[in-house]
Amino acid sequence: MAQEDPAGASAAEEVDPQEPQGALSVDEARRLLAEPLSDAPDARYAQLQRQWPAARRIEDRARQIEIAKALMTLGRGRPDGEGWIRLYLIAEYTWGSSGAALAACEPLLADRQLSPAARAGVALRQTYFLANGGQDRLVMLRAWSRADALAAEALKLQPGLPLTIDRLQVRSEVERLTGDGAAAVATLRQAVARSRELLRSGNGPGVAADTLRQWQGWLDGSQGMLVYALVAQGRTREAADIAQDNLALWRAGQLEEGPGARWHYRAATALNASQQHEEALAAARQSEAMLAKANASAASQTRWLARQEIVRALLGLKRWTEADQAYRQFLDELGADGVARSRAQDNRLSALLAAKAGRLDEALEIAERTLRYRTRIYGPDHPQTRESAGVRAVVRLLRGDTGGAMGDYEQLFAATLDRSDGWVDLDARGFRGFVLGLAFDEFLAHAARRAVTGEALPPAVVDRALQIADRRKLGSTQRALADSTARMLAATPELRGLIDREQTLRKAASGQYAQVAALIADEDRLRKEVSGEAFKALPKEQRKPREDALKALRQQLQAQQGVAASARETLAVQRQQLAAAYPAYADLITPATPGAVALSGRLRAGEGLLIVHALDEQTLVWLLRADATPQFRAVPEGAVALARRVKALRQRLDLSAMPAGREVPLAQALPELHALYRDLLAPLNRQGLNTLIVAGDGPLAGLPLAALVTEAPAAGRPVAWLLRQQAVVQLPSGASLQALRRAGPPAAAPQALLGFGDPVFDRSAGAATTIPTSTSTSTSTSTSTQAQAPKSSARSLHLLAPMPTRAASRYDAQLGFRYADIPPLPETRAELLSIARALGADPAADLRLGTAATRSAVLATPLADRRVLAFATHGLMPGELPGISKPALALAAEADDAASPLLELDDVLTLRLNAQWVLLSACNTAAGEQGGAAMSGLVRGFFFAGARSVLATHWAVESASAAALSGAALQPADTRAGGLRRAQLQLADGQEGQGRWTHPYYWAAYALFGDPAQ
């Protein structure tokens, strides 16, 4: 039976030291390996020591393992002979049999003749193997407790960096498996630093070349594990950078094929996590080819890590037949290695791939067997059981058993949609993410196919599809948000205590169910024994003890199941207490998934909630309103086609991205804008709506819907922008509206504004911090009403130059670029002055400009008494600068070189706001990467901090029009959405800017996220 998915996306690996190219020629290595071994122990030992680098030179991994094992045995009692123990364990696990490596540990630990350092090293390897082999977590934790104690004892007797690094690496694995990803990253950064320290110490005389090569292995291993830990936290760009740096060394001939193969599958891990599946597949296949050429065993850790990335890439590409073939071949070649099989076997995946490949009977048999097994362990209502029901639902749906499938799907929905804590229990990492994603996608595709034909779907199906679509919008940001809460929790000890208790109870419940599983295995073995013909033929007096034992075991199993169920109930009660005490935290980390009725109940008269979700072949659209039944339709156009249309429209609308003199007349874009409106929105009844709240992901996240055209363009008639009919507001998801409107609006903050802008990125240049006496706003000199590329500065961030030779700050050095080279934004000073004038604020007291616009100033200033919080600077999306893995705002360089000048998502969660508006007048903050996922996380972070709405931009804005629009939008209005719409219409109709800003480039870039009213 398959184990659960303990390693997720972050399994680590063993790394052995590499022999440098050229140490032996290939012919010399083969001659050494062909020499017959002496029978005399000393001579044999010396011969094997010479053969070890020879086997490595020709990359004969099987021979390498054989030699290391022999040296481990012959080395007992010899000077430095104990070093072969670790090298054998690493070689066996990395290139040979995972099970054999684990089995070798306990006898070695029992050998009291070994030194404390050697025993500690074996204990650490054992813990590592258990952590990555799918074994019982409690067993692993007991092994870690012993290993940590042995390592501490050994380091007291003989301090040394190698054992310290080994201990750090294994500790990071324990931290990862116990849910503390941030701690795992921090621990591995320590391991990398210690590894570099170890290598620096070897630059002097007296260090053997072989020893230095082993030390290089410590660095390689620490960096490799760091890649997986970063991916697990959603920091895929950082992980990819580390992998690509090492691949560059391999291409330059500075790394051999062994580490080169490993860096290929490490790169594939980061690429798969960032949805770059084609590139991941190429990298993983190259790794697999290199490992096969090196004779790495199919059951080895390295082959598993390469092959799982091949399967993940194929799953991401939805190449089901190839994924099925690759996975089956993978499992077939594992042989009898139980550790490797328990690590790799996933019955959920086997069932779904068999179903997608058309082997429906086989798929149903696996799915039903897995469901029965989980029901025996967990009972019918546990999330793990209901997940298995969801797998059977997919199989039944593909078999045409719609009724049975819908019944099973309801079990999955009960665990994931009806209770938010189910998402905690079913952590969607590793293969589980693909399993859940496939289950939900099949349901949505089924609903879409029926809807496209005009079939009226049952309301329950429409409602469940809406819940799935809305929840899928949040999935890609949940990990980043969860991993950004550490600083906020540190400042909230009561909440931290509740979360710690939740984690403790969750681990306790998991441990109780693990004991149930063990008892079931014992009961199965004993039941088979007593039901066998040989047992039945025994005399009664010989049968009775075993029959009594079976009866007692069943009673023990029943009692243990009760204990486990009680532990689960205690956990549920504690989670309810946490959500009740800190509802904002629950909305952030475990958001609810409300249905149509609940969402409609949160809408006011005149508001409509539009939810759009693009599938492969169709796009699903819902419109909810307070006074009508939900509207639902499916558009026969999928995500790829929709993305092409959106890309083309953005190219027409964003003048800043067009080369001067090559602007496309707006008239050419109007028919396309009308066609998209006609396909998506025209069939929906929007009569009586004055505000359209849009929860859209994927391609539509990058397009301002206010610029859609509701009527066919005609010469001499004003353009019928959607903006003329309704104000348009965005939300990360429909569920965000429920969170924002759970309570009534708070009392308005007493002060109008606090603004940060014109930050000085290069302190050495010296910039003024004084506020000019004049608050006039510069404007473009053009008076033409034709669309043209803006002549005043737009906030675009270009690729930065490599770091020059001048001394860099520690922050610069960490990220590998000069922060001082970020283009300055002097025009943002005028924009903030315009906003201050519009709100009646005091620029000297309420604006932080130049060198004063720092991250530390934001964190140190009380913000809860400001109605408007404005940031006029560069907005950075993940990957836009080296080392940036979460959305951030670029603020002024700090006087302390070691201090980060970036206000990141982690910082936002620590703020305490009562702001009606947060203005992010910055480059391209609304769309972000991966279909707006990054912006979704930043917006939800500001909501959690207390903001009611966030005003961001779809593209690099022009500064003069930005100042005019922002100031007008903040003037009193019935609603914030109405204020922004009024300001946008003033530009679109030529009332502002003397007709220069009628093109949607100037007014449509602005996206209002949040509650449009209160």
Foldseek 3Di string as FASTA:
>chain_A
DAFPQLCFLQQAAFFFFADAPPPDDLVRLVVLVPDDADPDLVRNLVSLVVNLNSCRNQLQLVVNLVSLVVLQVSLVPPVVSLVSLLVNLRSCQAFHFLLVSLVVLPVVLVPPSDDLLSNLSSLLSNLSSCLQLSDDLVVSVVSLVVSVVSLVVRCVVPNDLVSVLSNLQSVLSNCVSLPNLVVSLVSLVVSLVSLVVVLVVPPDPDQDPVNSSRSVRSNLRSLLSNLSSCLLLLLLQQSLVSLVVVCVCVVVSNDDLVSNLSSLLSNLSSCLSQLVLVSSLVSLVVSLVSSVSSNRQLLHPSVLSSLLSNLSSCLSVVVLQVSLVSLVVSLVRNPPRPSSNNSRDDLLSNLQSCLVVPVLVVSLVSLVVLLVLCCQLQNCQDLSNLLSLLSNLLSCVSVVNPVSSVVSVVSNCVLPAVDLCSCVVQPLGHCSVSSVVVSLQSLLVVVQVCQQVVHDDDPVSVFVNQLSQQVVLQVSQQSNLVSLCPVQCVVVVVLVVLVVVLSVLVVVLSVLSVVLSVLVVVLVVLVVVCPDPVNVPDDPVVNVVSVVVSVVSVVVSVVSNVVSVVSVVVSVVSVVVSCVVQVLVCCRNRNHRDTQVLLQVLADFQEKEWEWGFDAQWIKIWIHHVPDDIDIHIFRHGQVRLLVLLVVLCQLQAQQPDDFPPHDFVVVNQVSLCVVCVRHPPVDDSPRHAAYEYQYFHNCLLFQQQQRFPDRDDPPDATRGVLVRYQYAYASGSSQSCVLVVDDADDAFQAAAAEFFQEQQDPVVPDDFDQDPDLDADDAPDQDLTDGRDDFDWFDWDDFDFADPPDAFPVCVVQRHHSNRTDTDVNVSSLVSLQCVLRVHDCRVRYGHYNRRFPVNQLPDQAARYQEYEYAAAWDASPPGGPRSAIWGAHHQHPRSVDDRTCGLSNLLNAAYQYQEYEYNHAQLRQGPNGRNRSNSSQSSNVSNRYQKYKYFSGGARRRLSSQQSSQLPHDDQWSSVSNSVSLVCQLVCVPPNSRRNRCSHRSGIHMYHDGHD
